[in-house]
Protein backbone atom coordinates (compact mmCIF):
# COMPACT_ATOMS: atom_id res chain seq x y z
CA MET A 1 -83.81 -63.17 -131.91
CA ALA A 2 -87.54 -62.48 -131.99
CA LYS A 3 -89.82 -65.23 -133.25
CA GLN A 4 -91.75 -64.61 -136.47
CA ILE A 5 -95.08 -66.18 -137.42
CA GLY A 6 -96.14 -65.32 -140.94
CA LYS A 7 -95.77 -61.58 -141.29
CA TYR A 8 -95.88 -61.02 -137.51
CA GLU A 9 -92.90 -60.62 -135.19
CA ILE A 10 -93.75 -61.82 -131.69
CA GLY A 11 -92.72 -59.48 -128.90
CA ARG A 12 -93.32 -58.81 -125.19
CA PRO A 13 -95.68 -60.85 -123.01
CA LEU A 14 -99.00 -59.24 -122.13
CA GLY A 15 -100.59 -61.97 -120.01
CA GLU A 16 -101.55 -65.62 -119.77
CA GLY A 17 -104.75 -67.51 -120.42
CA GLN A 18 -106.18 -70.99 -120.06
CA PHE A 19 -104.38 -72.45 -123.06
CA GLY A 20 -101.29 -70.27 -123.45
CA LYS A 21 -99.83 -66.79 -123.44
CA VAL A 22 -100.82 -63.44 -124.90
CA LYS A 23 -98.00 -61.41 -126.40
CA GLU A 24 -97.48 -58.23 -128.33
CA CYS A 25 -96.77 -58.65 -132.03
CA VAL A 26 -95.88 -56.32 -134.89
CA ASP A 27 -97.02 -56.60 -138.50
CA LEU A 28 -93.70 -56.36 -140.35
CA GLU A 29 -95.45 -55.06 -143.48
CA THR A 30 -97.33 -52.18 -141.84
CA GLY A 31 -95.53 -51.64 -138.53
CA LEU A 32 -98.85 -51.87 -136.64
CA ARG A 33 -98.96 -53.48 -133.21
CA TYR A 34 -101.41 -56.18 -132.18
CA ALA A 35 -101.91 -58.68 -129.40
CA VAL A 36 -101.49 -62.33 -130.33
CA LYS A 37 -103.16 -65.04 -128.29
CA ILE A 38 -100.93 -68.10 -128.55
CA ILE A 39 -102.79 -71.34 -127.89
CA ARG A 40 -100.76 -74.48 -127.34
CA LYS A 41 -102.40 -77.38 -129.15
CA SER A 42 -101.09 -79.70 -126.45
CA ALA A 43 -103.20 -77.78 -123.92
CA ILE A 44 -106.38 -78.59 -125.87
CA LYS A 45 -106.95 -81.95 -124.25
CA ASN A 46 -110.58 -82.84 -124.90
CA ALA A 47 -113.66 -82.03 -126.95
CA LYS A 48 -114.76 -79.35 -124.47
CA ASP A 49 -111.45 -77.51 -124.90
CA VAL A 50 -111.81 -77.73 -128.68
CA GLU A 51 -115.30 -76.27 -128.43
CA THR A 52 -114.03 -73.41 -126.23
CA VAL A 53 -111.43 -72.36 -128.79
CA LYS A 54 -113.80 -72.82 -131.73
CA LYS A 55 -116.48 -70.68 -130.16
CA GLU A 56 -114.09 -67.87 -129.31
CA VAL A 57 -112.97 -67.67 -132.94
CA GLN A 58 -116.52 -67.96 -134.32
CA PHE A 59 -118.07 -65.38 -132.07
CA MET A 60 -115.31 -62.81 -132.45
CA LYS A 61 -115.76 -63.04 -136.23
CA MET A 62 -119.49 -62.38 -135.82
CA LEU A 63 -119.04 -59.28 -133.65
CA ASP A 64 -118.14 -55.82 -134.92
CA HIS A 65 -118.56 -53.04 -132.38
CA PRO A 66 -116.31 -50.32 -130.88
CA ASN A 67 -116.78 -51.84 -127.41
CA ILE A 68 -115.82 -55.39 -128.39
CA LEU A 69 -112.22 -56.49 -128.95
CA ARG A 70 -111.62 -57.11 -132.63
CA MET A 71 -109.88 -60.13 -134.16
CA PHE A 72 -107.87 -59.48 -137.34
CA ASP A 73 -106.13 -62.70 -138.26
CA THR A 74 -105.80 -66.38 -137.38
CA LEU A 75 -102.76 -68.54 -138.02
CA GLU A 76 -101.38 -71.90 -136.93
CA ASP A 77 -98.29 -74.06 -137.08
CA SER A 78 -97.68 -77.65 -135.99
CA GLU A 79 -97.69 -76.79 -132.28
CA LYS A 80 -99.73 -73.63 -131.76
CA LEU A 81 -102.69 -71.55 -132.86
CA TYR A 82 -102.33 -67.78 -133.13
CA LEU A 83 -105.25 -65.34 -132.79
CA VAL A 84 -104.19 -61.83 -133.81
CA LEU A 85 -106.27 -59.33 -131.85
CA GLU A 86 -106.66 -55.61 -131.38
CA ILE A 87 -104.17 -54.52 -128.73
CA ALA A 88 -105.68 -52.84 -125.68
CA ALA A 89 -102.76 -50.74 -124.51
CA GLY A 90 -104.64 -49.40 -121.50
CA GLY A 91 -104.62 -52.78 -119.76
CA ASP A 92 -107.84 -54.13 -118.25
CA LEU A 93 -110.56 -52.53 -116.18
CA PHE A 94 -109.60 -54.55 -113.13
CA ASP A 95 -106.12 -53.02 -112.99
CA LYS A 96 -107.62 -49.54 -113.28
CA ILE A 97 -110.07 -50.21 -110.44
CA VAL A 98 -107.28 -51.58 -108.22
CA ALA A 99 -105.01 -48.64 -108.95
CA MET A 100 -107.73 -46.06 -108.22
CA GLY A 101 -109.39 -47.92 -105.36
CA GLY A 102 -112.78 -47.56 -107.06
CA PHE A 103 -114.41 -44.91 -109.25
CA THR A 104 -116.77 -42.04 -108.70
CA GLU A 105 -120.26 -42.70 -110.04
CA GLU A 106 -119.53 -40.32 -112.91
CA THR A 107 -116.44 -42.26 -113.96
CA ALA A 108 -118.18 -45.61 -113.45
CA ARG A 109 -121.07 -44.45 -115.64
CA VAL A 110 -118.67 -43.81 -118.54
CA PHE A 111 -117.26 -47.34 -118.38
CA PHE A 112 -120.54 -49.05 -117.53
CA THR A 113 -122.33 -47.44 -120.47
CA GLN A 114 -119.68 -48.89 -122.77
CA ILE A 115 -120.11 -52.34 -121.23
CA VAL A 116 -123.85 -52.16 -121.81
CA GLU A 117 -123.40 -50.97 -125.41
CA GLY A 118 -121.02 -53.82 -126.21
CA LEU A 119 -123.21 -56.36 -124.43
CA GLU A 120 -126.30 -55.16 -126.29
CA HIS A 121 -124.45 -55.83 -129.57
CA CYS A 122 -123.62 -59.36 -128.36
CA HIS A 123 -127.21 -60.02 -127.37
CA ASN A 124 -128.50 -58.59 -130.65
CA LYS A 125 -126.29 -61.18 -132.36
CA ASN A 126 -127.80 -63.78 -129.98
CA ILE A 127 -124.45 -64.30 -128.23
CA ILE A 128 -124.36 -64.73 -124.45
CA HIS A 129 -120.94 -63.92 -122.97
CA ARG A 130 -121.21 -65.90 -119.69
CA ASP A 131 -117.88 -64.70 -118.24
CA LEU A 132 -118.16 -60.95 -117.84
CA LYS A 133 -115.68 -59.63 -115.28
CA PRO A 134 -113.27 -56.68 -115.10
CA GLU A 135 -110.32 -58.81 -116.27
CA ASN A 136 -112.18 -59.45 -119.53
CA LEU A 137 -112.90 -55.76 -120.10
CA LEU A 138 -109.89 -54.21 -121.80
CA LEU A 139 -109.07 -50.55 -122.36
CA GLY A 140 -107.99 -49.12 -125.69
CA PRO A 141 -107.08 -45.55 -126.68
CA ASN A 142 -108.77 -42.88 -124.56
CA ASP A 143 -110.03 -45.59 -122.19
CA GLN A 144 -112.39 -47.02 -124.79
CA LEU A 145 -113.66 -50.24 -123.22
CA LYS A 146 -113.48 -53.55 -125.13
CA ILE A 147 -115.28 -56.74 -124.12
CA SER A 148 -113.00 -59.74 -124.67
CA ASP A 149 -112.64 -63.48 -124.03
CA PHE A 150 -115.58 -65.28 -125.62
CA GLY A 151 -114.36 -68.80 -124.84
CA LEU A 152 -117.29 -69.53 -122.50
CA SER A 153 -119.86 -67.80 -124.66
CA ASN A 154 -122.77 -69.43 -126.45
CA ILE A 155 -125.25 -68.52 -129.15
CA ILE A 156 -129.03 -68.55 -129.02
CA MET A 157 -130.48 -71.15 -131.39
CA SER A 158 -134.19 -70.99 -130.53
CA PRO A 159 -136.47 -68.92 -128.28
CA THR A 160 -137.64 -72.15 -126.63
CA GLN A 161 -134.20 -73.50 -125.66
CA MET A 162 -132.17 -73.16 -122.47
CA LEU A 163 -128.48 -73.08 -121.60
CA LYS A 164 -127.26 -76.13 -119.76
CA THR A 165 -123.56 -75.73 -118.92
CA HIS A 166 -122.92 -73.91 -115.63
CA CYS A 167 -119.76 -71.90 -116.13
CA GLY A 168 -118.12 -68.54 -115.45
CA SER A 169 -116.39 -67.00 -112.44
CA GLU A 170 -118.15 -67.67 -109.14
CA LYS A 171 -117.97 -64.11 -107.80
CA TYR A 172 -119.72 -62.77 -110.89
CA ALA A 173 -122.09 -65.68 -111.58
CA ALA A 174 -125.85 -65.37 -111.11
CA PRO A 175 -127.65 -67.44 -108.44
CA GLU A 176 -129.30 -69.65 -111.06
CA ILE A 177 -125.76 -70.65 -112.13
CA MET A 178 -124.42 -71.14 -108.62
CA GLN A 179 -127.30 -72.79 -106.76
CA ASN A 180 -128.39 -75.70 -108.96
CA THR A 181 -127.69 -77.60 -112.16
CA ASP A 182 -130.97 -76.77 -113.90
CA PRO A 183 -131.06 -75.23 -117.41
CA TYR A 184 -131.12 -71.46 -117.27
CA MET A 185 -131.88 -68.37 -119.34
CA GLY A 186 -128.92 -66.75 -121.04
CA LYS A 187 -129.28 -62.98 -121.15
CA PRO A 188 -130.16 -62.49 -117.46
CA ILE A 189 -126.87 -64.05 -116.31
CA ASP A 190 -124.88 -61.42 -118.22
CA VAL A 191 -126.99 -58.72 -116.58
CA TRP A 192 -126.24 -60.12 -113.10
CA SER A 193 -122.49 -60.12 -113.84
CA CYS A 194 -122.69 -56.51 -115.04
CA GLY A 195 -124.28 -55.59 -111.72
CA VAL A 196 -121.35 -57.10 -109.82
CA ILE A 197 -118.91 -55.21 -112.05
CA LEU A 198 -120.77 -51.94 -111.49
CA TYR A 199 -120.70 -52.42 -107.72
CA ILE A 200 -116.95 -53.14 -107.80
CA MET A 201 -116.30 -50.03 -109.89
CA VAL A 202 -118.00 -47.71 -107.39
CA GLY A 203 -117.43 -49.67 -104.19
CA GLY A 204 -113.85 -50.81 -104.82
CA ALA A 205 -114.66 -54.27 -103.42
CA PHE A 206 -116.74 -57.37 -104.16
CA PRO A 207 -120.40 -57.18 -103.07
CA PHE A 208 -120.43 -60.85 -102.01
CA VAL A 209 -118.22 -63.90 -102.41
CA GLU A 210 -120.79 -65.99 -104.25
CA ALA A 211 -124.51 -65.88 -104.97
CA THR A 212 -125.47 -68.76 -102.68
CA MET A 213 -127.05 -69.06 -99.25
CA ASN A 214 -123.60 -69.94 -97.90
CA ASP A 215 -122.60 -66.30 -98.23
CA ASP A 216 -123.94 -63.96 -95.54
CA LEU A 217 -123.87 -60.91 -97.80
CA TYR A 218 -125.87 -62.68 -100.48
CA VAL A 219 -128.34 -63.86 -97.82
CA SER A 220 -128.76 -60.24 -96.76
CA LEU A 221 -129.57 -59.36 -100.38
CA VAL A 222 -132.23 -62.07 -100.54
CA LYS A 223 -133.73 -60.79 -97.29
CA SER A 224 -133.69 -57.18 -98.56
CA GLN A 225 -131.19 -56.27 -95.83
CA PHE A 226 -128.12 -55.68 -98.00
CA GLU A 227 -126.26 -52.57 -96.85
CA PHE A 228 -124.81 -50.51 -99.66
CA PRO A 229 -121.92 -48.09 -99.04
CA LYS A 230 -123.17 -44.72 -97.83
CA HIS A 231 -121.77 -42.87 -100.85
CA PHE A 232 -123.92 -44.87 -103.32
CA SER A 233 -126.70 -42.73 -104.78
CA PRO A 234 -130.33 -43.90 -104.55
CA GLU A 235 -130.43 -44.22 -108.35
CA LEU A 236 -127.37 -46.49 -108.36
CA ILE A 237 -128.80 -48.66 -105.59
CA ASP A 238 -132.09 -48.96 -107.48
CA LEU A 239 -130.29 -50.10 -110.64
CA LEU A 240 -128.14 -52.63 -108.77
CA LEU A 241 -131.15 -54.14 -107.01
CA LYS A 242 -132.92 -54.53 -110.36
CA MET A 243 -129.84 -56.20 -111.84
CA TRP A 244 -129.60 -58.49 -108.81
CA THR A 245 -133.22 -59.62 -108.84
CA THR A 246 -132.88 -63.28 -107.90
CA GLU A 247 -135.69 -64.40 -110.20
CA PRO A 248 -134.15 -64.19 -113.71
CA THR A 249 -137.48 -63.63 -115.46
CA GLN A 250 -137.96 -60.47 -113.36
CA ARG A 251 -134.40 -59.18 -113.76
CA ILE A 252 -133.91 -55.93 -115.64
CA THR A 253 -132.91 -56.33 -119.31
CA VAL A 254 -130.12 -54.58 -121.21
CA PRO A 255 -132.54 -52.28 -123.11
CA GLU A 256 -134.16 -51.38 -119.79
CA ILE A 257 -130.76 -50.67 -118.22
CA LYS A 258 -130.10 -48.14 -120.99
CA LYS A 259 -133.32 -46.34 -120.00
CA HIS A 260 -132.68 -46.44 -116.25
CA LYS A 261 -132.48 -43.10 -114.47
CA TRP A 262 -128.92 -43.77 -113.25
CA ILE A 263 -127.76 -44.10 -116.87
CA ASN A 264 -130.12 -41.48 -118.28
CA PRO A 265 -131.81 -39.28 -115.66
CA TYR A 266 -134.17 -37.84 -118.28
CA VAL A 267 -135.81 -41.16 -119.21
CA GLU A 268 -138.00 -43.11 -116.80
CA LEU A 269 -137.69 -46.87 -116.66
CA ASP A 270 -140.42 -48.72 -118.54
CA GLN A 271 -142.10 -50.96 -116.01
CA GLY A 272 -143.74 -53.14 -118.65
CA PRO A 273 -143.33 -56.90 -118.87
CA THR A 274 -139.92 -58.33 -119.65
CA SER A 275 -139.41 -60.72 -122.54
CA MET A 276 -136.15 -62.64 -122.96
CA ALA A 277 -134.79 -65.13 -125.42
CA ILE A 278 -133.14 -68.29 -124.18
CA ASP A 279 -130.66 -70.58 -125.82
CA GLU A 280 -129.10 -73.95 -126.28
CA GLU A 281 -125.83 -75.47 -125.17
CA PRO A 282 -124.20 -77.33 -128.06
CA VAL A 283 -123.33 -81.00 -127.73
CA TYR A 284 -119.57 -81.41 -127.69
CA ARG A 285 -118.41 -83.24 -130.80
CA THR A 286 -115.60 -85.75 -131.01
CA LEU A 287 -112.11 -84.54 -131.78
CA GLU A 288 -111.44 -84.51 -135.51
CA PRO A 289 -107.90 -84.68 -136.94
CA ASP A 290 -108.26 -81.18 -138.37
CA MET A 291 -110.04 -80.03 -135.25
CA MET A 292 -109.94 -76.29 -135.74
CA SER A 293 -111.18 -76.24 -139.34
CA MET A 294 -114.28 -78.36 -138.61
CA MET A 295 -116.63 -75.51 -137.83
CA SER A 296 -120.19 -76.54 -137.01
CA PRO A 297 -122.88 -75.24 -139.39
CA ALA A 298 -125.27 -75.31 -136.41
CA TYR A 299 -123.88 -71.94 -135.35
CA ILE A 300 -123.35 -69.89 -138.50
CA GLU A 301 -122.26 -70.25 -142.10
CA GLU A 302 -118.57 -69.93 -141.41
CA GLU A 303 -115.54 -69.45 -143.58
CA PRO A 304 -112.41 -71.53 -142.81
CA VAL A 305 -110.95 -70.40 -139.50
CA TYR A 306 -107.28 -69.98 -140.27
CA ARG A 307 -106.72 -67.55 -143.09
CA CYS A 308 -105.30 -64.07 -143.37
CA ILE A 309 -107.49 -60.98 -143.29
CA ASP A 310 -107.42 -59.12 -146.60
CA ALA A 311 -105.60 -55.84 -146.98
CA ASP A 312 -108.77 -53.72 -147.12
CA SER A 313 -109.99 -55.12 -143.80
CA LEU A 314 -106.62 -54.43 -142.23
CA ALA A 315 -106.50 -50.88 -143.54
CA ALA A 316 -109.97 -50.19 -142.19
CA ALA A 317 -108.80 -51.30 -138.76
CA THR A 318 -105.70 -49.13 -138.70
CA PRO A 319 -107.09 -46.23 -136.61
CA MET A 320 -107.87 -48.58 -133.75
CA VAL A 321 -104.38 -50.00 -133.34
CA VAL A 322 -101.83 -47.34 -134.22
CA GLU A 323 -102.03 -45.37 -130.98
CA ARG A 324 -99.38 -46.39 -128.48
CA TYR A 325 -99.77 -46.54 -124.75
CA SER A 326 -98.37 -43.16 -123.73
CA SER A 327 -96.36 -44.60 -120.83
CA GLY A 328 -95.03 -47.58 -122.79
CA GLU A 329 -91.54 -46.53 -121.77
CA CYS A 330 -92.22 -48.23 -118.42
CA GLY A 331 -91.47 -51.51 -120.21
CA PHE A 332 -94.96 -52.98 -120.58
CA ALA A 333 -96.78 -52.99 -123.89
CA CYS A 334 -100.03 -52.59 -121.92
CA LYS A 335 -100.61 -50.35 -118.94
CA PRO A 336 -99.51 -51.88 -115.62
CA THR A 337 -101.56 -51.71 -112.43
CA GLU A 338 -99.32 -48.97 -111.06
CA THR A 339 -95.97 -47.31 -111.62
CA PHE A 340 -93.87 -45.94 -108.76
CA GLU A 341 -90.79 -43.75 -108.69
CA ALA A 342 -88.23 -45.18 -106.28
CA LYS A 343 -84.96 -43.92 -104.82
CA GLY A 344 -81.86 -46.02 -105.26
CA THR A 345 -80.30 -47.64 -108.30
CA PRO A 346 -82.34 -50.08 -110.41
CA GLU A 347 -80.15 -52.91 -109.12
CA GLN A 348 -80.85 -51.99 -105.48
CA VAL A 349 -84.58 -51.60 -106.05
CA LEU A 350 -84.74 -54.85 -108.02
CA THR A 351 -83.22 -56.69 -105.06
CA ARG A 352 -85.68 -55.09 -102.61
CA VAL A 353 -88.68 -55.97 -104.78
CA ALA A 354 -87.53 -59.58 -104.97
CA GLU A 355 -87.15 -59.68 -101.19
CA LEU A 356 -90.67 -58.30 -100.64
CA LEU A 357 -92.21 -60.87 -102.95
CA THR A 358 -90.21 -63.70 -101.39
CA LYS A 359 -91.35 -62.69 -97.90
CA LYS A 360 -94.93 -62.76 -99.17
CA GLY A 361 -94.39 -66.43 -100.05
CA ALA A 362 -93.94 -66.11 -103.77
CA THR A 363 -91.56 -68.09 -105.94
CA VAL A 364 -89.34 -65.44 -107.48
CA LYS A 365 -87.14 -65.28 -110.57
CA VAL A 366 -84.91 -62.23 -111.03
CA LYS A 367 -83.59 -61.28 -114.47
CA GLU A 368 -81.18 -58.46 -113.80
CA GLU A 369 -80.26 -58.01 -117.46
CA LYS A 370 -83.92 -57.27 -118.24
CA GLY A 371 -84.58 -55.41 -115.00
CA GLN A 372 -87.51 -57.60 -114.09
CA VAL A 373 -88.83 -59.85 -111.35
CA LYS A 374 -91.25 -62.66 -112.10
CA ALA A 375 -93.20 -64.01 -109.16
CA GLU A 376 -95.94 -66.57 -108.69
CA MET A 377 -97.78 -67.94 -105.70
CA ALA A 378 -100.95 -69.84 -104.81
CA GLY A 379 -103.85 -67.58 -103.95
CA ARG A 380 -106.63 -68.11 -101.45
CA THR A 381 -108.97 -69.25 -104.22
CA GLY A 382 -106.52 -72.02 -105.16
CA ASP A 383 -105.47 -70.36 -108.43
CA THR A 384 -101.90 -69.39 -109.19
CA VAL A 385 -101.19 -65.67 -109.32
CA LYS A 386 -98.38 -64.48 -111.58
CA VAL A 387 -97.03 -60.95 -111.49
CA ARG A 388 -94.23 -59.19 -113.29
CA VAL A 389 -92.37 -56.20 -111.88
CA LEU A 390 -90.14 -54.10 -114.11
CA VAL A 391 -87.49 -51.79 -112.69
CA LYS A 392 -85.95 -49.26 -115.08
CA ASN A 393 -83.80 -46.17 -115.14
CA GLN A 394 -85.72 -43.35 -116.78
CA ALA A 395 -84.02 -39.99 -117.13
CA GLY A 396 -81.88 -40.68 -114.07
CA LYS A 397 -84.81 -41.88 -111.96
CA THR A 398 -85.74 -45.43 -111.01
CA SER A 399 -89.29 -46.55 -111.88
CA VAL A 400 -91.09 -49.63 -110.59
CA ALA A 401 -94.06 -50.98 -112.58
CA MET A 402 -96.20 -53.94 -111.45
CA LYS A 403 -98.61 -55.90 -113.63
CA ARG A 404 -100.77 -58.98 -113.14
CA MET A 405 -100.02 -61.60 -115.79
CA LYS A 406 -102.33 -64.36 -114.58
CA GLY A 407 -104.55 -65.22 -111.63
CA HIS A 408 -107.86 -64.69 -109.90
CA SER A 409 -108.81 -61.07 -109.33
CA LEU A 410 -109.44 -61.58 -105.60
CA ASP A 411 -106.01 -63.18 -105.11
CA TYR A 412 -104.29 -60.38 -106.98
CA THR A 413 -106.23 -57.76 -105.04
CA GLU A 414 -104.96 -59.23 -101.77
CA MET A 415 -101.39 -59.48 -103.07
CA HIS A 416 -101.49 -55.91 -104.36
CA ALA A 417 -102.94 -54.59 -101.09
CA HIS A 418 -100.07 -56.27 -99.21
CA LEU A 419 -97.31 -55.14 -101.55
CA ARG A 420 -98.44 -51.66 -102.49
CA PRO A 421 -97.51 -49.88 -99.22
CA GLN A 422 -94.13 -51.55 -99.29
CA LEU A 423 -93.54 -50.71 -102.93
CA VAL A 424 -94.45 -47.10 -102.18
CA GLY A 425 -92.08 -47.35 -99.21
CA LEU A 426 -89.24 -47.99 -101.63
CA CYS A 427 -89.55 -44.35 -102.57
CA ASP A 428 -88.30 -43.42 -99.10
CA VAL A 429 -85.10 -45.45 -99.36
CA ALA A 430 -82.04 -43.38 -100.07
């Protein structure tokens, strides 16, 4: 029997995060589908964790833009917190990049422009994301991109203040984050991360492992010897080099990116001086008994966190959530990395998939009644990678769908590269 929280029935898993799982849910009053981020209170172990959850709720309430994931409701019970979010049925940008092996510049421009539009809204609200990466860029109807996951974000308090906490994902983090512990400017680090994402979209690979002198590719960038793929246009290379300027005060800004000739070939880049605001890292407060309702007035004048959204707000949001993922019949509420058509019965294919994952070194659980294989293994980065493979009979044909549920993008890329040829090979089995 499905679990119900308030007016929401909890459904299929969509993924996993730092503090719990993300699942599909249905509003029993309207029939609309959402994603619900379920946060285990037991996983919130210290003041820093409390601050992470608080900030995510605060900032998502402040943001209202087509390219930012929307939060509709917040609930809690004795054990868990529930954040009811817009469902992004298209999966995340990372899965799309992996499946396509990289984009053309024309396709990348469509997605990148949406990233920049959403990020500009964040920066206009004085919010610095600090963890931009393809896994945090979700896809809604018609591939409309949505920036998500504001747990590491911070808000600008004064033009004379600096950020202090060094955080984010190392492959997307700017050199001023990676190379020292000094306070740093906020907006330029988001720009650097966007440059890494843009390179991945067009190049289908990471530009460098980390922005430190320990990485040969980064060293080549510093020495102006970085070799871009031959298919990169001069305009794209020019934009990337401006986004990867190692001195943050000289790095291109979001408004300047929007004027760059790669984005808009009819507008020349303004070469005038760059001005940037910088911000403050809040001091972590002690854990209060009612920890999630104690919202700091230092950020914004905030209403109580856990209350239901009124009916008018919900109705206004309806157009964004009613569209279903067109291939939802594959068994996932959100689009998987890839779907294959295999020969053989679902039972035979299920067994073969489990064998492939086991040979790769994964710990495997097979649920024949659900037609699914769950697998997890330690990746090269040290993180655990979790994948789910669904095998179904559709119109007399056997389909295999694979989706990342948790794990570092590099680890999943390597796992997918190893498994994909063999999964495709299942199609040749009689």
